[in-house]
Each structure stands twice: as C-alpha cells, then as structure tokens.
Amino acid sequence: MAPAKVNQYIKGRSSRLIHEEFPQLKKKYWGQHLWARGYFCATVGSVNEETIRRYIEGQQVEGDDVFEIEE
C-alpha cells in the first residue's frame, strides 16, 4: 500500500473519530479540514528522531500551538 494512501486513511479515520467524540468541533471546523494536507514520509535509513522532531516543530503556525476544546 502506498504511504500516501495509508496517511489518507489514518487522517480520515482519526478525524471521524475525533468529531464523533467531540461534536462541538463540527461547528468550529465546518467546511475546513481538521488535519493539514501534507505529511512526512522517509525511509528508516535516512531519517532519525531529531529529523522528525525538527519537521514537526517547523509545521506549527503562529496561534496554532494550542488545541482547546470548549465544553
């Protein structure tokens, strides 16, 4: 299975599960995507934990650092 398809499945399924558990998010993310469109994929031989950590930290957008759920 292609990494892009695996990623697509994981994001789609997790988004549905999160929306089922927290229905109030549907209003906040109506017409928007819960997850970013991109993903990171590399072979084990060319990436280490630090590389992944730097990539993830570089994805943060100002004002997007806290995910709060209002009840």
PDB file of N, CA and C in Angstrom:
ATOM      1  N   MET A   1       0.848  -1.170   0.000  1.00  0.00           N
ATOM      2  CA  MET A   1       0.000   0.000   0.000  1.00  0.00           C
ATOM      3  C   MET A   1       0.900   1.241   0.000  1.00  0.00           C
ATOM      4  N   ALA A   2       0.546   2.236  -0.765  1.00  0.00           N
ATOM      5  CA  ALA A   2       1.338   3.459  -0.877  1.00  0.00           C
ATOM      6  C   ALA A   2       1.263   4.273   0.416  1.00  0.00           C
ATOM      7  N   PRO A   3       2.376   4.888   0.819  1.00  0.00           N
ATOM      8  CA  PRO A   3       2.354   5.725   2.031  1.00  0.00           C
ATOM      9  C   PRO A   3       1.286   6.819   1.997  1.00  0.00           C
ATOM     10  N   ALA A   4       1.044   7.394   0.824  1.00  0.00           N
ATOM     11  CA  ALA A   4       0.026   8.445   0.712  1.00  0.00           C
ATOM     12  C   ALA A   4      -1.361   7.903   1.058  1.00  0.00           C
ATOM     13  N   LYS A   5      -1.665   6.677   0.629  1.00  0.00           N
ATOM     14  CA  LYS A   5      -2.966   6.067   0.927  1.00  0.00           C
ATOM     15  C   LYS A   5      -3.094   5.728   2.412  1.00  0.00           C
ATOM     16  N   VAL A   6      -2.006   5.231   3.003  1.00  0.00           N
ATOM     17  CA  VAL A   6      -2.010   4.922   4.439  1.00  0.00           C
ATOM     18  C   VAL A   6      -2.276   6.202   5.218  1.00  0.00           C
ATOM     19  N   ASN A   7      -1.580   7.265   4.863  1.00  0.00           N
ATOM     20  CA  ASN A   7      -1.752   8.546   5.530  1.00  0.00           C
ATOM     21  C   ASN A   7      -3.168   9.075   5.362  1.00  0.00           C
ATOM     22  N   GLN A   8      -3.698   8.971   4.160  1.00  0.00           N
ATOM     23  CA  GLN A   8      -5.060   9.414   3.884  1.00  0.00           C
ATOM     24  C   GLN A   8      -6.054   8.669   4.774  1.00  0.00           C
ATOM     25  N   TYR A   9      -5.886   7.365   4.912  1.00  0.00           N
ATOM     26  CA  TYR A   9      -6.776   6.556   5.738  1.00  0.00           C
ATOM     27  C   TYR A   9      -6.672   6.972   7.210  1.00  0.00           C
ATOM     28  N   ILE A  10      -5.458   7.114   7.711  1.00  0.00           N
ATOM     29  CA  ILE A  10      -5.248   7.461   9.124  1.00  0.00           C
ATOM     30  C   ILE A  10      -5.863   8.828   9.437  1.00  0.00           C
ATOM     31  N   LYS A  11      -5.615   9.808   8.577  1.00  0.00           N
ATOM     32  CA  LYS A  11      -6.168  11.147   8.814  1.00  0.00           C
ATOM     33  C   LYS A  11      -7.695  11.132   8.738  1.00  0.00           C
ATOM     34  N   GLY A  12      -8.234  10.446   7.756  1.00  0.00           N
ATOM     35  CA  GLY A  12      -9.688  10.394   7.601  1.00  0.00           C
ATOM     36  C   GLY A  12     -10.365   9.709   8.766  1.00  0.00           C
ATOM     37  N   ARG A  13      -9.845   8.566   9.142  1.00  0.00           N
ATOM     38  CA  ARG A  13     -10.444   7.798  10.242  1.00  0.00           C
ATOM     39  C   ARG A  13     -10.311   8.546  11.566  1.00  0.00           C
ATOM     40  N   SER A  14      -9.139   9.088  11.843  1.00  0.00           N
ATOM     41  CA  SER A  14      -8.944   9.798  13.110  1.00  0.00           C
ATOM     42  C   SER A  14      -9.818  11.050  13.160  1.00  0.00           C
ATOM     43  N   SER A  15      -9.987  11.730  12.044  1.00  0.00           N
ATOM     44  CA  SER A  15     -10.850  12.907  12.003  1.00  0.00           C
ATOM     45  C   SER A  15     -12.290  12.524  12.340  1.00  0.00           C
ATOM     46  N   ARG A  16     -12.774  11.439  11.754  1.00  0.00           N
ATOM     47  CA  ARG A  16     -14.143  10.992  12.047  1.00  0.00           C
ATOM     48  C   ARG A  16     -14.298  10.623  13.515  1.00  0.00           C
ATOM     49  N   LEU A  17     -13.319   9.915  14.080  1.00  0.00           N
ATOM     50  CA  LEU A  17     -13.399   9.511  15.488  1.00  0.00           C
ATOM     51  C   LEU A  17     -13.368  10.723  16.416  1.00  0.00           C
ATOM     52  N   ILE A  18     -12.531  11.692  16.110  1.00  0.00           N
ATOM     53  CA  ILE A  18     -12.450  12.907  16.928  1.00  0.00           C
ATOM     54  C   ILE A  18     -13.766  13.676  16.863  1.00  0.00           C
ATOM     55  N   HIS A  19     -14.352  13.794  15.666  1.00  0.00           N
ATOM     56  CA  HIS A  19     -15.625  14.505  15.534  1.00  0.00           C
ATOM     57  C   HIS A  19     -16.764  13.771  16.232  1.00  0.00           C
ATOM     58  N   GLU A  20     -16.712  12.443  16.270  1.00  0.00           N
ATOM     59  CA  GLU A  20     -17.732  11.684  16.986  1.00  0.00           C
ATOM     60  C   GLU A  20     -17.618  11.916  18.494  1.00  0.00           C
ATOM     61  N   GLU A  21     -16.379  11.952  18.989  1.00  0.00           N
ATOM     62  CA  GLU A  21     -16.161  12.131  20.421  1.00  0.00           C
ATOM     63  C   GLU A  21     -16.389  13.572  20.861  1.00  0.00           C
ATOM     64  N   PHE A  22     -16.093  14.533  19.992  1.00  0.00           N
ATOM     65  CA  PHE A  22     -16.236  15.948  20.319  1.00  0.00           C
ATOM     66  C   PHE A  22     -17.091  16.633  19.255  1.00  0.00           C
ATOM     67  N   PRO A  23     -18.414  16.450  19.293  1.00  0.00           N
ATOM     68  CA  PRO A  23     -19.291  17.001  18.252  1.00  0.00           C
ATOM     69  C   PRO A  23     -19.231  18.521  18.136  1.00  0.00           C
ATOM     70  N   GLN A  24     -18.819  19.207  19.193  1.00  0.00           N
ATOM     71  CA  GLN A  24     -18.732  20.663  19.137  1.00  0.00           C
ATOM     72  C   GLN A  24     -17.671  21.135  18.137  1.00  0.00           C
ATOM     73  N   LEU A  25     -16.765  20.270  17.747  1.00  0.00           N
ATOM     74  CA  LEU A  25     -15.740  20.640  16.766  1.00  0.00           C
ATOM     75  C   LEU A  25     -16.316  20.811  15.367  1.00  0.00           C
ATOM     76  N   LYS A  26     -17.443  20.173  15.092  1.00  0.00           N
ATOM     77  CA  LYS A  26     -18.054  20.285  13.764  1.00  0.00           C
ATOM     78  C   LYS A  26     -18.384  21.736  13.437  1.00  0.00           C
ATOM     79  N   LYS A  27     -18.813  22.484  14.444  1.00  0.00           N
ATOM     80  CA  LYS A  27     -19.129  23.893  14.214  1.00  0.00           C
ATOM     81  C   LYS A  27     -17.866  24.692  13.934  1.00  0.00           C
ATOM     82  N   LYS A  28     -16.810  24.414  14.683  1.00  0.00           N
ATOM     83  CA  LYS A  28     -15.566  25.168  14.532  1.00  0.00           C
ATOM     84  C   LYS A  28     -14.873  24.852  13.206  1.00  0.00           C
ATOM     85  N   TYR A  29     -14.920  23.594  12.773  1.00  0.00           N
ATOM     86  CA  TYR A  29     -14.204  23.179  11.567  1.00  0.00           C
ATOM     87  C   TYR A  29     -15.142  22.917  10.388  1.00  0.00           C
ATOM     88  N   TRP A  30     -16.344  23.468  10.404  1.00  0.00           N
ATOM     89  CA  TRP A  30     -17.279  23.280   9.315  1.00  0.00           C
ATOM     90  C   TRP A  30     -16.673  23.852   8.031  1.00  0.00           C
ATOM     91  N   GLY A  31     -16.592  23.049   7.014  1.00  0.00           N
ATOM     92  CA  GLY A  31     -16.044  23.481   5.733  1.00  0.00           C
ATOM     93  C   GLY A  31     -14.531  23.556   5.712  1.00  0.00           C
ATOM     94  N   GLN A  32     -13.894  23.156   6.795  1.00  0.00           N
ATOM     95  CA  GLN A  32     -12.439  23.186   6.878  1.00  0.00           C
ATOM     96  C   GLN A  32     -11.938  21.780   7.173  1.00  0.00           C
ATOM     97  N   HIS A  33     -10.649  21.603   7.029  1.00  0.00           N
ATOM     98  CA  HIS A  33     -10.058  20.305   7.312  1.00  0.00           C
ATOM     99  C   HIS A  33      -9.480  20.306   8.715  1.00  0.00           C
ATOM    100  N   LEU A  34      -9.638  19.186   9.409  1.00  0.00           N
ATOM    101  CA  LEU A  34      -9.073  19.056  10.748  1.00  0.00           C
ATOM    102  C   LEU A  34      -7.557  18.937  10.670  1.00  0.00           C
ATOM    103  N   TRP A  35      -7.066  18.188   9.695  1.00  0.00           N
ATOM    104  CA  TRP A  35      -5.622  17.968   9.542  1.00  0.00           C
ATOM    105  C   TRP A  35      -5.084  18.760   8.355  1.00  0.00           C
ATOM    106  N   ALA A  36      -3.804  19.070   8.403  1.00  0.00           N
ATOM    107  CA  ALA A  36      -3.144  19.720   7.274  1.00  0.00           C
ATOM    108  C   ALA A  36      -3.091  18.742   6.100  1.00  0.00           C
ATOM    109  N   ARG A  37      -2.927  19.240   4.888  1.00  0.00           N
ATOM    110  CA  ARG A  37      -2.928  18.388   3.701  1.00  0.00           C
ATOM    111  C   ARG A  37      -1.652  17.568   3.562  1.00  0.00           C
ATOM    112  N   GLY A  38      -0.540  18.044   4.082  1.00  0.00           N
ATOM    113  CA  GLY A  38       0.742  17.371   3.873  1.00  0.00           C
ATOM    114  C   GLY A  38       1.012  16.249   4.854  1.00  0.00           C
ATOM    115  N   TYR A  39       2.092  15.551   4.604  1.00  0.00           N
ATOM    116  CA  TYR A  39       2.565  14.517   5.510  1.00  0.00           C
ATOM    117  C   TYR A  39       4.046  14.314   5.255  1.00  0.00           C
ATOM    118  N   PHE A  40       4.709  13.668   6.185  1.00  0.00           N
ATOM    119  CA  PHE A  40       6.144  13.428   6.079  1.00  0.00           C
ATOM    120  C   PHE A  40       6.381  11.928   5.969  1.00  0.00           C
ATOM    121  N   CYS A  41       7.179  11.539   5.011  1.00  0.00           N
ATOM    122  CA  CYS A  41       7.475  10.123   4.824  1.00  0.00           C
ATOM    123  C   CYS A  41       8.935   9.985   4.402  1.00  0.00           C
ATOM    124  N   ALA A  42       9.664   9.110   5.075  1.00  0.00           N
ATOM    125  CA  ALA A  42      11.062   8.864   4.722  1.00  0.00           C
ATOM    126  C   ALA A  42      11.412   7.425   5.097  1.00  0.00           C
ATOM    127  N   THR A  43      12.426   6.901   4.462  1.00  0.00           N
ATOM    128  CA  THR A  43      12.858   5.552   4.806  1.00  0.00           C
ATOM    129  C   THR A  43      13.609   5.582   6.124  1.00  0.00           C
ATOM    130  N   VAL A  44      13.651   4.464   6.782  1.00  0.00           N
ATOM    131  CA  VAL A  44      14.293   4.378   8.091  1.00  0.00           C
ATOM    132  C   VAL A  44      15.772   4.728   8.009  1.00  0.00           C
ATOM    133  N   GLY A  45      16.417   4.392   6.945  1.00  0.00           N
ATOM    134  CA  GLY A  45      17.849   4.628   6.838  1.00  0.00           C
ATOM    135  C   GLY A  45      18.245   6.085   6.679  1.00  0.00           C
ATOM    136  N   SER A  46      17.330   6.950   6.292  1.00  0.00           N
ATOM    137  CA  SER A  46      17.706   8.337   6.023  1.00  0.00           C
ATOM    138  C   SER A  46      17.118   9.342   7.007  1.00  0.00           C
ATOM    139  N   VAL A  47      16.470   8.884   8.043  1.00  0.00           N
ATOM    140  CA  VAL A  47      15.837   9.796   8.981  1.00  0.00           C
ATOM    141  C   VAL A  47      16.029   9.291  10.411  1.00  0.00           C
ATOM    142  N   ASN A  48      16.187  10.230  11.316  1.00  0.00           N
ATOM    143  CA  ASN A  48      16.277   9.857  12.720  1.00  0.00           C
ATOM    144  C   ASN A  48      15.251  10.673  13.512  1.00  0.00           C
ATOM    145  N   GLU A  49      15.198  10.453  14.795  1.00  0.00           N
ATOM    146  CA  GLU A  49      14.203  11.131  15.624  1.00  0.00           C
ATOM    147  C   GLU A  49      14.347  12.650  15.565  1.00  0.00           C
ATOM    148  N   GLU A  50      15.559  13.153  15.551  1.00  0.00           N
ATOM    149  CA  GLU A  50      15.784  14.598  15.505  1.00  0.00           C
ATOM    150  C   GLU A  50      15.246  15.208  14.208  1.00  0.00           C
ATOM    151  N   THR A  51      15.419  14.517  13.090  1.00  0.00           N
ATOM    152  CA  THR A  51      14.898  14.994  11.806  1.00  0.00           C
ATOM    153  C   THR A  51      13.377  15.105  11.861  1.00  0.00           C
ATOM    154  N   ILE A  52      12.732  14.114  12.403  1.00  0.00           N
ATOM    155  CA  ILE A  52      11.270  14.129  12.527  1.00  0.00           C
ATOM    156  C   ILE A  52      10.834  15.245  13.465  1.00  0.00           C
ATOM    157  N   ARG A  53      11.516  15.391  14.585  1.00  0.00           N
ATOM    158  CA  ARG A  53      11.182  16.429  15.558  1.00  0.00           C
ATOM    159  C   ARG A  53      11.268  17.832  14.923  1.00  0.00           C
ATOM    160  N   ARG A  54      12.349  18.085  14.180  1.00  0.00           N
ATOM    161  CA  ARG A  54      12.509  19.389  13.526  1.00  0.00           C
ATOM    162  C   ARG A  54      11.397  19.626  12.500  1.00  0.00           C
ATOM    163  N   TYR A  55      11.039  18.585  11.757  1.00  0.00           N
ATOM    164  CA  TYR A  55       9.967  18.712  10.771  1.00  0.00           C
ATOM    165  C   TYR A  55       8.647  19.080  11.453  1.00  0.00           C
ATOM    166  N   ILE A  56       8.302  18.370  12.505  1.00  0.00           N
ATOM    167  CA  ILE A  56       7.040  18.625  13.201  1.00  0.00           C
ATOM    168  C   ILE A  56       7.029  20.026  13.800  1.00  0.00           C
ATOM    169  N   GLU A  57       8.118  20.418  14.440  1.00  0.00           N
ATOM    170  CA  GLU A  57       8.190  21.756  15.030  1.00  0.00           C
ATOM    171  C   GLU A  57       8.087  22.840  13.958  1.00  0.00           C
ATOM    172  N   GLY A  58       8.585  22.570  12.777  1.00  0.00           N
ATOM    173  CA  GLY A  58       8.516  23.532  11.679  1.00  0.00           C
ATOM    174  C   GLY A  58       7.132  23.662  11.086  1.00  0.00           C
ATOM    175  N   GLN A  59       6.211  22.763  11.424  1.00  0.00           N
ATOM    176  CA  GLN A  59       4.851  22.797  10.894  1.00  0.00           C
ATOM    177  C   GLN A  59       3.935  23.711  11.686  1.00  0.00           C
ATOM    178  N   GLN A  60       4.342  24.089  12.891  1.00  0.00           N
ATOM    179  CA  GLN A  60       3.487  24.922  13.720  1.00  0.00           C
ATOM    180  C   GLN A  60       3.294  26.301  13.117  1.00  0.00           C
ATOM    181  N   VAL A  61       2.063  26.762  13.168  1.00  0.00           N
ATOM    182  CA  VAL A  61       1.708  28.085  12.676  1.00  0.00           C
ATOM    183  C   VAL A  61       1.389  28.953  13.883  1.00  0.00           C
ATOM    184  N   GLU A  62       1.774  30.215  13.841  1.00  0.00           N
ATOM    185  CA  GLU A  62       1.506  31.113  14.960  1.00  0.00           C
ATOM    186  C   GLU A  62       0.017  31.110  15.290  1.00  0.00           C
ATOM    187  N   GLY A  63      -0.296  30.957  16.575  1.00  0.00           N
ATOM    188  CA  GLY A  63      -1.678  30.907  17.013  1.00  0.00           C
ATOM    189  C   GLY A  63      -2.281  29.532  16.910  1.00  0.00           C
ATOM    190  N   ASP A  64      -1.515  28.569  16.416  1.00  0.00           N
ATOM    191  CA  ASP A  64      -1.999  27.212  16.217  1.00  0.00           C
ATOM    192  C   ASP A  64      -1.323  26.246  17.177  1.00  0.00           C
ATOM    193  N   ASP A  65      -0.727  26.776  18.244  1.00  0.00           N
ATOM    194  CA  ASP A  65       0.058  25.940  19.128  1.00  0.00           C
ATOM    195  C   ASP A  65      -0.751  25.287  20.232  1.00  0.00           C
ATOM    196  N   VAL A  66      -2.008  25.701  20.411  1.00  0.00           N
ATOM    197  CA  VAL A  66      -2.829  25.111  21.457  1.00  0.00           C
ATOM    198  C   VAL A  66      -4.137  24.663  20.843  1.00  0.00           C
ATOM    199  N   PHE A  67      -4.462  23.426  21.085  1.00  0.00           N
ATOM    200  CA  PHE A  67      -5.725  22.870  20.603  1.00  0.00           C
ATOM    201  C   PHE A  67      -6.654  22.793  21.798  1.00  0.00           C
ATOM    202  N   GLU A  68      -7.626  23.687  21.874  1.00  0.00           N
ATOM    203  CA  GLU A  68      -8.524  23.736  23.004  1.00  0.00           C
ATOM    204  C   GLU A  68      -9.903  23.257  22.593  1.00  0.00           C
ATOM    205  N   ILE A  69     -10.521  22.535  23.494  1.00  0.00           N
ATOM    206  CA  ILE A  69     -11.883  22.072  23.275  1.00  0.00           C
ATOM    207  C   ILE A  69     -12.765  22.768  24.298  1.00  0.00           C
ATOM    208  N   GLU A  70     -13.699  23.551  23.823  1.00  0.00           N
ATOM    209  CA  GLU A  70     -14.605  24.267  24.706  1.00  0.00           C
ATOM    210  C   GLU A  70     -15.799  23.395  24.996  1.00  0.00           C
ATOM    211  N   GLU A  71     -16.152  23.314  26.250  1.00  0.00           N
ATOM    212  CA  GLU A  71     -17.325  22.498  26.622  1.00  0.00           C
ATOM    213  C   GLU A  71     -18.458  23.368  27.058  1.00  0.00           C
TER     214      GLU A  71
END
